């Protein structure tokens, strides 16, 4: 796992594209979960470079930001005047 961390950090400095393992680590999911999301939908945008799946860091950040949810208390207050 440390190797994946190091590779993701190097990739972020050099290339904005991450492979599935790096992208999964970057957003805090398992690789398998990210693969399932890719097949079923609902996950971050990805690109196919030939036969290789790549995730752009900016798209991972945007997807992650869109996943934020308020607490139940915040949700209940939102509907009140």
C-alpha atoms as a PDB file:
ATOM      1  CA  UNK A   1       0.000   0.000   0.000  1.00  0.00           C
ATOM      2  CA  UNK A   2       2.907   2.378   0.666  1.00  0.00           C
ATOM      3  CA  UNK A   3       4.020   1.830  -2.914  1.00  0.00           C
ATOM      4  CA  UNK A   4       0.598   2.980  -4.154  1.00  0.00           C
ATOM      5  CA  UNK A   5       0.815   6.071  -1.932  1.00  0.00           C
ATOM      6  CA  UNK A   6       4.212   6.940  -3.323  1.00  0.00           C
ATOM      7  CA  UNK A   7       3.133   6.318  -6.906  1.00  0.00           C
ATOM      8  CA  UNK A   8       0.008   8.458  -6.454  1.00  0.00           C
ATOM      9  CA  UNK A   9       2.072  11.299  -4.966  1.00  0.00           C
ATOM     10  CA  UNK A  10       4.557  11.125  -7.860  1.00  0.00           C
ATOM     11  CA  UNK A  11       1.717  11.000 -10.376  1.00  0.00           C
ATOM     12  CA  UNK A  12       0.080  14.065  -8.875  1.00  0.00           C
ATOM     13  CA  UNK A  13       3.337  15.994  -9.219  1.00  0.00           C
ATOM     14  CA  UNK A  14       3.930  14.873 -12.795  1.00  0.00           C
ATOM     15  CA  UNK A  15       0.856  13.642 -14.594  1.00  0.00           C
ATOM     16  CA  UNK A  16      -2.714  14.533 -13.675  1.00  0.00           C
ATOM     17  CA  UNK A  17      -3.855  11.024 -14.609  1.00  0.00           C
ATOM     18  CA  UNK A  18      -4.102   8.160 -12.119  1.00  0.00           C
ATOM     19  CA  UNK A  19      -4.746   4.486 -12.712  1.00  0.00           C
ATOM     20  CA  UNK A  20      -7.554   2.736 -10.869  1.00  0.00           C
ATOM     21  CA  UNK A  21      -5.440   1.728  -7.868  1.00  0.00           C
ATOM     22  CA  UNK A  22      -4.008   5.222  -7.473  1.00  0.00           C
ATOM     23  CA  UNK A  23      -7.407   6.880  -7.939  1.00  0.00           C
ATOM     24  CA  UNK A  24      -9.011   4.567  -5.388  1.00  0.00           C
ATOM     25  CA  UNK A  25      -6.375   5.449  -2.828  1.00  0.00           C
ATOM     26  CA  UNK A  26      -6.674   9.145  -3.667  1.00  0.00           C
ATOM     27  CA  UNK A  27     -10.418   9.228  -2.905  1.00  0.00           C
ATOM     28  CA  UNK A  28     -10.245   6.723  -0.033  1.00  0.00           C
ATOM     29  CA  UNK A  29     -12.046   3.785  -1.631  1.00  0.00           C
ATOM     30  CA  UNK A  30     -10.999   0.252  -2.395  1.00  0.00           C
ATOM     31  CA  UNK A  31      -9.960  -0.471  -5.944  1.00  0.00           C
ATOM     32  CA  UNK A  32     -12.806  -2.966  -6.275  1.00  0.00           C
ATOM     33  CA  UNK A  33     -15.381  -0.387  -5.134  1.00  0.00           C
ATOM     34  CA  UNK A  34     -14.127   2.090  -7.717  1.00  0.00           C
ATOM     35  CA  UNK A  35     -14.280  -0.600 -10.416  1.00  0.00           C
ATOM     36  CA  UNK A  36     -17.885  -1.436  -9.466  1.00  0.00           C
ATOM     37  CA  UNK A  37     -18.826   2.241  -9.530  1.00  0.00           C
ATOM     38  CA  UNK A  38     -17.302   2.531 -12.981  1.00  0.00           C
ATOM     39  CA  UNK A  39     -19.442  -0.340 -14.256  1.00  0.00           C
ATOM     40  CA  UNK A  40     -22.695   0.607 -12.520  1.00  0.00           C
ATOM     41  CA  UNK A  41     -22.359   4.386 -12.681  1.00  0.00           C
ATOM     42  CA  UNK A  42     -22.279   6.953  -9.934  1.00  0.00           C
ATOM     43  CA  UNK A  43     -18.526   7.086  -9.621  1.00  0.00           C
ATOM     44  CA  UNK A  44     -16.046   9.680 -10.799  1.00  0.00           C
ATOM     45  CA  UNK A  45     -15.564  10.336 -14.493  1.00  0.00           C
ATOM     46  CA  UNK A  46     -12.866   8.257 -16.142  1.00  0.00           C
ATOM     47  CA  UNK A  47     -11.164   8.060 -19.489  1.00  0.00           C
ATOM     48  CA  UNK A  48      -9.988   5.186 -21.602  1.00  0.00           C
ATOM     49  CA  UNK A  49      -6.489   5.557 -22.979  1.00  0.00           C
ATOM     50  CA  UNK A  50      -6.417   2.571 -25.273  1.00  0.00           C
ATOM     51  CA  UNK A  51      -7.250  -0.335 -22.997  1.00  0.00           C
ATOM     52  CA  UNK A  52      -6.201   1.563 -19.882  1.00  0.00           C
ATOM     53  CA  UNK A  53      -8.627   3.350 -17.557  1.00  0.00           C
ATOM     54  CA  UNK A  54      -7.375   6.666 -16.225  1.00  0.00           C
ATOM     55  CA  UNK A  55      -8.853   9.170 -13.785  1.00  0.00           C
ATOM     56  CA  UNK A  56      -7.963  12.855 -13.913  1.00  0.00           C
ATOM     57  CA  UNK A  57      -7.200  14.339 -10.506  1.00  0.00           C
ATOM     58  CA  UNK A  58      -9.421  17.385 -11.118  1.00  0.00           C
ATOM     59  CA  UNK A  59     -12.379  15.107 -11.916  1.00  0.00           C
ATOM     60  CA  UNK A  60     -11.714  13.031  -8.795  1.00  0.00           C
ATOM     61  CA  UNK A  61     -11.690  16.225  -6.723  1.00  0.00           C
ATOM     62  CA  UNK A  62     -14.923  17.451  -8.337  1.00  0.00           C
ATOM     63  CA  UNK A  63     -16.640  14.103  -7.791  1.00  0.00           C
ATOM     64  CA  UNK A  64     -15.487  13.968  -4.176  1.00  0.00           C
ATOM     65  CA  UNK A  65     -16.699  17.506  -3.531  1.00  0.00           C
ATOM     66  CA  UNK A  66     -20.092  16.555  -4.933  1.00  0.00           C
ATOM     67  CA  UNK A  67     -20.323  13.657  -2.473  1.00  0.00           C
ATOM     68  CA  UNK A  68     -20.464  15.893   0.602  1.00  0.00           C
ATOM     69  CA  UNK A  69     -23.670  15.640   2.589  1.00  0.00           C
ATOM     70  CA  UNK A  70     -24.964  17.712   5.461  1.00  0.00           C
ATOM     71  CA  UNK A  71     -25.965  16.190   8.772  1.00  0.00           C
ATOM     72  CA  UNK A  72     -29.620  15.343   9.414  1.00  0.00           C
ATOM     73  CA  UNK A  73     -29.897  18.414  11.616  1.00  0.00           C
ATOM     74  CA  UNK A  74     -28.647  20.604   8.769  1.00  0.00           C
ATOM     75  CA  UNK A  75     -31.063  18.933   6.337  1.00  0.00           C
ATOM     76  CA  UNK A  76     -34.038  19.567   8.644  1.00  0.00           C
ATOM     77  CA  UNK A  77     -33.181  23.234   9.117  1.00  0.00           C
ATOM     78  CA  UNK A  78     -32.786  23.798   5.389  1.00  0.00           C
ATOM     79  CA  UNK A  79     -36.545  23.438   4.864  1.00  0.00           C
ATOM     80  CA  UNK A  80     -37.490  25.826   7.659  1.00  0.00           C
ATOM     81  CA  UNK A  81     -37.881  29.616   7.143  1.00  0.00           C
END
